[in-house]
N, C-alpha and C. Protein backbone atom coordinates (compact mmCIF):
# COMPACT_ATOMS: atom_id res chain seq x y z
N MET A 1 -16.24 -48.91 118.30
CA MET A 1 -17.39 -48.01 118.20
C MET A 1 -18.21 -48.12 119.48
N MET A 2 -18.70 -47.02 119.92
CA MET A 2 -19.58 -47.01 121.08
C MET A 2 -20.96 -46.57 120.63
N ALA A 3 -21.96 -47.30 121.04
CA ALA A 3 -23.33 -46.87 120.83
C ALA A 3 -23.84 -46.37 122.16
N LEU A 4 -24.65 -45.38 122.15
CA LEU A 4 -25.11 -44.84 123.42
C LEU A 4 -26.61 -44.97 123.53
N PHE A 5 -27.03 -45.39 124.67
CA PHE A 5 -28.44 -45.52 124.98
C PHE A 5 -28.78 -44.45 125.98
N GLY A 6 -29.42 -43.40 125.50
CA GLY A 6 -29.78 -42.32 126.41
C GLY A 6 -28.59 -41.75 127.11
N GLY A 7 -27.47 -41.67 126.42
CA GLY A 7 -26.28 -41.19 127.05
C GLY A 7 -25.57 -42.28 127.81
N LEU A 8 -26.02 -43.48 127.67
CA LEU A 8 -25.44 -44.59 128.39
C LEU A 8 -24.53 -45.35 127.47
N ALA A 9 -23.27 -45.36 127.78
CA ALA A 9 -22.32 -46.03 126.91
C ALA A 9 -22.56 -47.53 126.91
N CYS A 10 -22.65 -48.09 125.73
CA CYS A 10 -22.81 -49.53 125.56
C CYS A 10 -21.77 -49.98 124.54
N SER A 11 -21.11 -51.07 124.81
CA SER A 11 -20.09 -51.54 123.88
C SER A 11 -20.73 -51.98 122.58
N GLU A 12 -19.92 -52.03 121.54
CA GLU A 12 -20.43 -52.49 120.24
C GLU A 12 -20.94 -53.91 120.36
N ALA A 13 -20.25 -54.73 121.13
CA ALA A 13 -20.69 -56.12 121.29
C ALA A 13 -22.09 -56.16 121.90
N PHE A 14 -22.35 -55.31 122.90
CA PHE A 14 -23.67 -55.26 123.50
C PHE A 14 -24.69 -54.81 122.46
N ALA A 15 -24.34 -53.80 121.69
CA ALA A 15 -25.25 -53.29 120.67
C ALA A 15 -25.56 -54.38 119.64
N GLN A 16 -24.56 -55.15 119.24
CA GLN A 16 -24.77 -56.19 118.25
C GLN A 16 -25.62 -57.33 118.82
N ASP A 17 -25.51 -57.58 120.11
CA ASP A 17 -26.21 -58.71 120.73
C ASP A 17 -27.64 -58.40 121.12
N THR A 18 -28.09 -57.17 121.04
CA THR A 18 -29.43 -56.84 121.53
C THR A 18 -30.52 -57.55 120.75
N LEU A 19 -30.25 -57.97 119.53
CA LEU A 19 -31.27 -58.68 118.78
C LEU A 19 -31.46 -60.10 119.28
N SER A 20 -30.42 -60.68 119.88
CA SER A 20 -30.51 -62.07 120.32
C SER A 20 -30.67 -62.21 121.83
N VAL A 21 -30.64 -61.13 122.55
CA VAL A 21 -30.74 -61.16 124.01
C VAL A 21 -32.18 -60.91 124.42
N ALA A 22 -32.63 -61.62 125.43
CA ALA A 22 -34.00 -61.45 125.93
C ALA A 22 -34.19 -60.06 126.51
N PRO A 23 -35.39 -59.49 126.33
CA PRO A 23 -35.66 -58.14 126.85
C PRO A 23 -35.27 -57.94 128.33
N PRO A 24 -35.52 -58.89 129.22
CA PRO A 24 -35.10 -58.64 130.61
C PRO A 24 -33.59 -58.48 130.77
N GLN A 25 -32.81 -59.18 129.96
CA GLN A 25 -31.36 -59.04 130.04
C GLN A 25 -30.91 -57.69 129.51
N VAL A 26 -31.52 -57.25 128.43
CA VAL A 26 -31.21 -55.92 127.88
C VAL A 26 -31.58 -54.87 128.92
N ALA A 27 -32.76 -55.01 129.50
CA ALA A 27 -33.24 -54.05 130.50
C ALA A 27 -32.31 -54.01 131.72
N GLN A 28 -31.83 -55.16 132.16
CA GLN A 28 -30.95 -55.21 133.32
C GLN A 28 -29.64 -54.48 133.04
N ALA A 29 -29.07 -54.69 131.87
CA ALA A 29 -27.82 -54.01 131.51
C ALA A 29 -28.03 -52.50 131.46
N MET A 30 -29.15 -52.07 130.89
CA MET A 30 -29.45 -50.63 130.81
C MET A 30 -29.69 -50.06 132.20
N LEU A 31 -30.39 -50.81 133.04
CA LEU A 31 -30.67 -50.36 134.40
C LEU A 31 -29.37 -50.15 135.17
N GLU A 32 -28.45 -51.07 135.04
CA GLU A 32 -27.17 -50.93 135.74
C GLU A 32 -26.45 -49.66 135.33
N LYS A 33 -26.46 -49.36 134.04
CA LYS A 33 -25.80 -48.14 133.56
C LYS A 33 -26.56 -46.90 134.04
N LEU A 34 -27.88 -46.92 133.98
CA LEU A 34 -28.67 -45.79 134.47
C LEU A 34 -28.42 -45.57 135.96
N ASP A 35 -28.39 -46.65 136.71
CA ASP A 35 -28.15 -46.54 138.15
C ASP A 35 -26.78 -45.92 138.40
N HIS A 36 -25.79 -46.35 137.63
CA HIS A 36 -24.45 -45.79 137.79
C HIS A 36 -24.42 -44.29 137.48
N GLU A 37 -25.09 -43.91 136.41
CA GLU A 37 -25.07 -42.51 135.97
C GLU A 37 -25.98 -41.60 136.80
N LEU A 38 -27.12 -42.13 137.28
CA LEU A 38 -28.14 -41.28 137.90
C LEU A 38 -28.37 -41.57 139.39
N SER A 39 -27.69 -42.56 139.93
CA SER A 39 -27.85 -42.92 141.35
C SER A 39 -29.32 -43.12 141.72
N LEU A 40 -29.92 -44.11 141.11
CA LEU A 40 -31.34 -44.39 141.33
C LEU A 40 -31.60 -44.92 142.74
N THR A 41 -32.76 -44.59 143.28
CA THR A 41 -33.19 -45.18 144.54
C THR A 41 -33.70 -46.60 144.24
N SER A 42 -33.93 -47.39 145.28
CA SER A 42 -34.42 -48.75 145.04
C SER A 42 -35.81 -48.72 144.41
N GLN A 43 -36.65 -47.77 144.81
CA GLN A 43 -37.97 -47.65 144.18
C GLN A 43 -37.83 -47.27 142.72
N GLN A 44 -36.94 -46.34 142.41
CA GLN A 44 -36.72 -45.95 141.02
C GLN A 44 -36.18 -47.13 140.21
N GLU A 45 -35.29 -47.91 140.80
CA GLU A 45 -34.75 -49.07 140.10
C GLU A 45 -35.88 -50.01 139.67
N THR A 46 -36.83 -50.25 140.58
CA THR A 46 -37.95 -51.12 140.27
C THR A 46 -38.79 -50.54 139.13
N GLU A 47 -39.11 -49.25 139.21
CA GLU A 47 -39.93 -48.60 138.18
C GLU A 47 -39.21 -48.56 136.84
N VAL A 48 -37.94 -48.18 136.88
CA VAL A 48 -37.17 -48.05 135.64
C VAL A 48 -36.96 -49.42 134.99
N TYR A 49 -36.69 -50.43 135.79
CA TYR A 49 -36.50 -51.77 135.23
C TYR A 49 -37.77 -52.22 134.50
N ALA A 50 -38.92 -52.04 135.12
CA ALA A 50 -40.18 -52.43 134.48
C ALA A 50 -40.37 -51.67 133.17
N LEU A 51 -40.06 -50.39 133.17
CA LEU A 51 -40.18 -49.58 131.96
C LEU A 51 -39.22 -50.08 130.88
N LEU A 52 -37.99 -50.41 131.26
CA LEU A 52 -37.01 -50.87 130.29
C LEU A 52 -37.37 -52.24 129.70
N VAL A 53 -37.92 -53.12 130.53
CA VAL A 53 -38.38 -54.41 130.02
C VAL A 53 -39.50 -54.19 129.01
N GLU A 54 -40.44 -53.32 129.37
CA GLU A 54 -41.56 -53.02 128.47
C GLU A 54 -41.04 -52.47 127.15
N ARG A 55 -40.09 -51.56 127.21
CA ARG A 55 -39.51 -50.95 126.01
C ARG A 55 -38.79 -52.00 125.16
N SER A 56 -37.99 -52.84 125.80
CA SER A 56 -37.27 -53.88 125.07
C SER A 56 -38.22 -54.87 124.41
N GLU A 57 -39.30 -55.20 125.10
CA GLU A 57 -40.31 -56.10 124.51
C GLU A 57 -40.99 -55.43 123.33
N GLU A 58 -41.26 -54.13 123.44
CA GLU A 58 -41.88 -53.42 122.32
C GLU A 58 -40.94 -53.41 121.12
N PHE A 59 -39.66 -53.21 121.36
CA PHE A 59 -38.69 -53.24 120.26
C PHE A 59 -38.67 -54.62 119.62
N ALA A 60 -38.73 -55.67 120.42
CA ALA A 60 -38.73 -57.03 119.89
C ALA A 60 -39.98 -57.25 119.02
N GLN A 61 -41.10 -56.71 119.46
CA GLN A 61 -42.34 -56.83 118.68
C GLN A 61 -42.24 -56.08 117.36
N ILE A 62 -41.63 -54.90 117.39
CA ILE A 62 -41.44 -54.13 116.15
C ILE A 62 -40.59 -54.94 115.17
N ARG A 63 -39.51 -55.52 115.68
CA ARG A 63 -38.65 -56.32 114.80
C ARG A 63 -39.41 -57.54 114.27
N GLU A 64 -40.20 -58.19 115.12
CA GLU A 64 -40.95 -59.39 114.71
C GLU A 64 -41.99 -59.04 113.64
N ARG A 65 -42.71 -57.94 113.83
CA ARG A 65 -43.74 -57.53 112.86
C ARG A 65 -43.14 -57.16 111.52
N ASN A 66 -41.90 -56.74 111.53
CA ASN A 66 -41.27 -56.24 110.30
C ASN A 66 -40.17 -57.15 109.79
N LYS A 67 -40.25 -58.44 110.10
CA LYS A 67 -39.19 -59.36 109.71
C LYS A 67 -38.86 -59.29 108.23
N SER A 68 -39.84 -59.23 107.39
CA SER A 68 -39.59 -59.26 105.96
C SER A 68 -39.55 -57.86 105.35
N LYS A 69 -39.67 -56.85 106.18
CA LYS A 69 -39.67 -55.47 105.68
C LYS A 69 -38.46 -54.73 106.25
N ILE A 70 -38.18 -53.62 105.65
CA ILE A 70 -37.15 -52.75 106.20
C ILE A 70 -37.71 -52.13 107.47
N LEU A 71 -36.92 -52.17 108.53
CA LEU A 71 -37.38 -51.62 109.80
C LEU A 71 -37.49 -50.10 109.73
N SER A 72 -38.53 -49.60 110.29
CA SER A 72 -38.78 -48.17 110.28
C SER A 72 -38.14 -47.51 111.50
N LYS A 73 -37.25 -46.59 111.25
CA LYS A 73 -36.63 -45.85 112.35
C LYS A 73 -37.70 -45.10 113.15
N ALA A 74 -38.74 -44.66 112.47
CA ALA A 74 -39.81 -43.92 113.15
C ALA A 74 -40.51 -44.78 114.19
N SER A 75 -40.68 -46.07 113.92
CA SER A 75 -41.32 -46.96 114.90
C SER A 75 -40.50 -47.03 116.18
N PHE A 76 -39.19 -47.16 116.01
CA PHE A 76 -38.32 -47.22 117.18
C PHE A 76 -38.29 -45.89 117.92
N GLN A 77 -38.26 -44.79 117.16
CA GLN A 77 -38.23 -43.48 117.79
C GLN A 77 -39.51 -43.22 118.58
N GLN A 78 -40.64 -43.63 118.05
CA GLN A 78 -41.91 -43.45 118.76
C GLN A 78 -41.89 -44.25 120.07
N ALA A 79 -41.42 -45.47 120.02
CA ALA A 79 -41.32 -46.29 121.24
C ALA A 79 -40.37 -45.65 122.24
N ASN A 80 -39.27 -45.09 121.75
CA ASN A 80 -38.31 -44.42 122.62
C ASN A 80 -38.94 -43.21 123.31
N GLU A 81 -39.67 -42.42 122.54
CA GLU A 81 -40.27 -41.21 123.10
C GLU A 81 -41.30 -41.55 124.17
N GLN A 82 -42.09 -42.59 123.94
CA GLN A 82 -43.06 -43.02 124.95
C GLN A 82 -42.34 -43.47 126.22
N ALA A 83 -41.27 -44.25 126.05
CA ALA A 83 -40.51 -44.72 127.21
C ALA A 83 -39.85 -43.56 127.93
N LEU A 84 -39.36 -42.58 127.19
CA LEU A 84 -38.71 -41.43 127.81
C LEU A 84 -39.68 -40.63 128.65
N ARG A 85 -40.91 -40.47 128.17
CA ARG A 85 -41.92 -39.75 128.96
C ARG A 85 -42.19 -40.48 130.27
N LYS A 86 -42.27 -41.80 130.21
CA LYS A 86 -42.48 -42.58 131.43
C LYS A 86 -41.27 -42.49 132.35
N LEU A 87 -40.10 -42.52 131.76
CA LEU A 87 -38.87 -42.43 132.55
C LEU A 87 -38.79 -41.09 133.27
N GLN A 88 -39.20 -40.03 132.60
CA GLN A 88 -39.18 -38.70 133.21
C GLN A 88 -40.02 -38.68 134.49
N GLN A 89 -41.14 -39.39 134.48
CA GLN A 89 -42.00 -39.44 135.66
C GLN A 89 -41.34 -40.19 136.82
N ALA A 90 -40.47 -41.14 136.51
CA ALA A 90 -39.82 -41.94 137.56
C ALA A 90 -38.59 -41.26 138.15
N LEU A 91 -38.04 -40.29 137.43
CA LEU A 91 -36.80 -39.62 137.88
C LEU A 91 -37.09 -38.31 138.57
N THR A 92 -36.13 -37.88 139.36
CA THR A 92 -36.21 -36.54 139.94
C THR A 92 -35.86 -35.54 138.83
N PRO A 93 -36.21 -34.27 139.04
CA PRO A 93 -35.84 -33.28 138.02
C PRO A 93 -34.32 -33.23 137.76
N ALA A 94 -33.52 -33.35 138.80
CA ALA A 94 -32.06 -33.32 138.63
C ALA A 94 -31.58 -34.53 137.83
N GLN A 95 -32.14 -35.69 138.12
CA GLN A 95 -31.76 -36.89 137.38
C GLN A 95 -32.17 -36.77 135.91
N TYR A 96 -33.34 -36.22 135.67
CA TYR A 96 -33.80 -36.08 134.30
C TYR A 96 -32.93 -35.09 133.53
N GLU A 97 -32.53 -34.02 134.18
CA GLU A 97 -31.63 -33.06 133.52
C GLU A 97 -30.30 -33.72 133.16
N LYS A 98 -29.79 -34.56 134.05
CA LYS A 98 -28.55 -35.26 133.76
C LYS A 98 -28.76 -36.22 132.59
N LEU A 99 -29.89 -36.90 132.57
CA LEU A 99 -30.20 -37.80 131.46
C LEU A 99 -30.27 -37.02 130.14
N LYS A 100 -30.88 -35.85 130.16
CA LYS A 100 -30.97 -35.02 128.94
C LYS A 100 -29.58 -34.65 128.45
N ALA A 101 -28.68 -34.31 129.37
CA ALA A 101 -27.31 -33.97 128.99
C ALA A 101 -26.60 -35.19 128.39
N LEU A 102 -26.84 -36.35 128.97
CA LEU A 102 -26.25 -37.57 128.43
C LEU A 102 -26.80 -37.88 127.04
N ARG A 103 -28.09 -37.62 126.84
CA ARG A 103 -28.70 -37.84 125.52
C ARG A 103 -28.09 -36.90 124.48
N GLN A 104 -27.83 -35.65 124.87
CA GLN A 104 -27.21 -34.71 123.94
C GLN A 104 -25.83 -35.20 123.52
N GLU A 105 -25.08 -35.73 124.47
CA GLU A 105 -23.77 -36.29 124.16
C GLU A 105 -23.91 -37.48 123.23
N THR A 106 -24.93 -38.28 123.45
CA THR A 106 -25.21 -39.42 122.58
C THR A 106 -25.43 -38.95 121.15
N GLN A 107 -26.24 -37.93 120.98
CA GLN A 107 -26.53 -37.40 119.65
C GLN A 107 -25.28 -36.86 118.98
N ARG A 108 -24.44 -36.20 119.75
CA ARG A 108 -23.18 -35.68 119.20
C ARG A 108 -22.30 -36.83 118.71
N GLN A 109 -22.20 -37.87 119.51
CA GLN A 109 -21.38 -39.02 119.13
C GLN A 109 -21.96 -39.75 117.92
N LYS A 110 -23.28 -39.87 117.88
CA LYS A 110 -23.90 -40.54 116.73
C LYS A 110 -23.64 -39.76 115.45
N ALA A 111 -23.69 -38.45 115.52
CA ALA A 111 -23.41 -37.64 114.33
C ALA A 111 -21.99 -37.90 113.85
N ALA A 112 -21.07 -38.01 114.78
CA ALA A 112 -19.68 -38.31 114.41
C ALA A 112 -19.58 -39.70 113.79
N TYR A 113 -20.30 -40.66 114.34
CA TYR A 113 -20.28 -42.02 113.79
C TYR A 113 -20.86 -42.05 112.38
N ARG A 114 -21.95 -41.32 112.17
CA ARG A 114 -22.56 -41.30 110.84
C ARG A 114 -21.58 -40.76 109.82
N GLU A 115 -20.84 -39.74 110.21
CA GLU A 115 -19.86 -39.18 109.30
C GLU A 115 -18.80 -40.21 108.94
N GLU A 116 -18.52 -41.12 109.85
CA GLU A 116 -17.53 -42.16 109.60
C GLU A 116 -18.17 -43.43 109.05
N GLU A 117 -19.47 -43.39 108.78
CA GLU A 117 -20.24 -44.52 108.26
C GLU A 117 -20.19 -45.74 109.18
N LEU A 118 -20.18 -45.48 110.49
CA LEU A 118 -20.16 -46.57 111.45
C LEU A 118 -21.52 -46.81 112.08
N TYR A 119 -22.47 -45.94 111.79
CA TYR A 119 -23.80 -46.03 112.39
C TYR A 119 -24.73 -46.66 111.36
N LYS A 120 -24.77 -47.98 111.33
CA LYS A 120 -25.48 -48.65 110.25
C LYS A 120 -26.54 -49.64 110.71
N THR A 121 -26.63 -49.91 111.98
CA THR A 121 -27.49 -51.01 112.41
C THR A 121 -28.74 -50.54 113.14
N THR A 122 -29.78 -51.33 113.07
CA THR A 122 -31.00 -51.01 113.81
C THR A 122 -30.77 -51.17 115.30
N GLN A 123 -29.76 -51.93 115.69
CA GLN A 123 -29.47 -52.07 117.10
C GLN A 123 -29.09 -50.72 117.70
N ASP A 124 -28.38 -49.89 116.93
CA ASP A 124 -28.03 -48.57 117.42
C ASP A 124 -29.27 -47.73 117.68
N ILE A 125 -30.29 -47.91 116.86
CA ILE A 125 -31.55 -47.19 117.08
C ILE A 125 -32.17 -47.63 118.39
N GLU A 126 -32.14 -48.94 118.65
CA GLU A 126 -32.71 -49.44 119.90
C GLU A 126 -31.99 -48.87 121.10
N LEU A 127 -30.71 -48.64 120.98
CA LEU A 127 -29.93 -48.17 122.11
C LEU A 127 -30.00 -46.66 122.30
N ASP A 128 -30.78 -45.99 121.49
CA ASP A 128 -30.93 -44.55 121.60
C ASP A 128 -32.19 -44.24 122.38
N PHE A 129 -32.04 -43.73 123.55
CA PHE A 129 -33.19 -43.40 124.38
C PHE A 129 -33.52 -41.95 124.20
C-alpha cells in the first residue's frame, strides 16, 4: 500500500512509523520528496522544512491531546489546510500547480484504497497534505 502526502509517495512502512518518529525526521523525509517533485531552491528548502517541522509537531500535539479519545480527522485536516496555505506562499505558482496535481492523484489513490479497506490508520491522515 502506498500512502501519499500531498501527492508525495510514502511507503507503508514510513506511514506506519510516523507516530514513533520525531517531527524533524518526518519533515526531512517529506522535504526530500517535495524537493524531488518540485525542484525547490535552497531558500524554499529552508522555508518548507520549517513549515513541515511545525506541521509534524502540531500533529504530534493533536495525537497527545487525544490519547484517550478517538482522533478527529477534522483536526488533522485543519492543520493540513493551514500548512498548505503557508506552503503555497513558499512555492512558485508553477510549483504549486504541480503540487495540486499531485494532491489530486493522492485523493484518487486514497479513494481506491478505501474501496479495498486499506485506508484505516490515522497515519494516512497525517500524510495527506
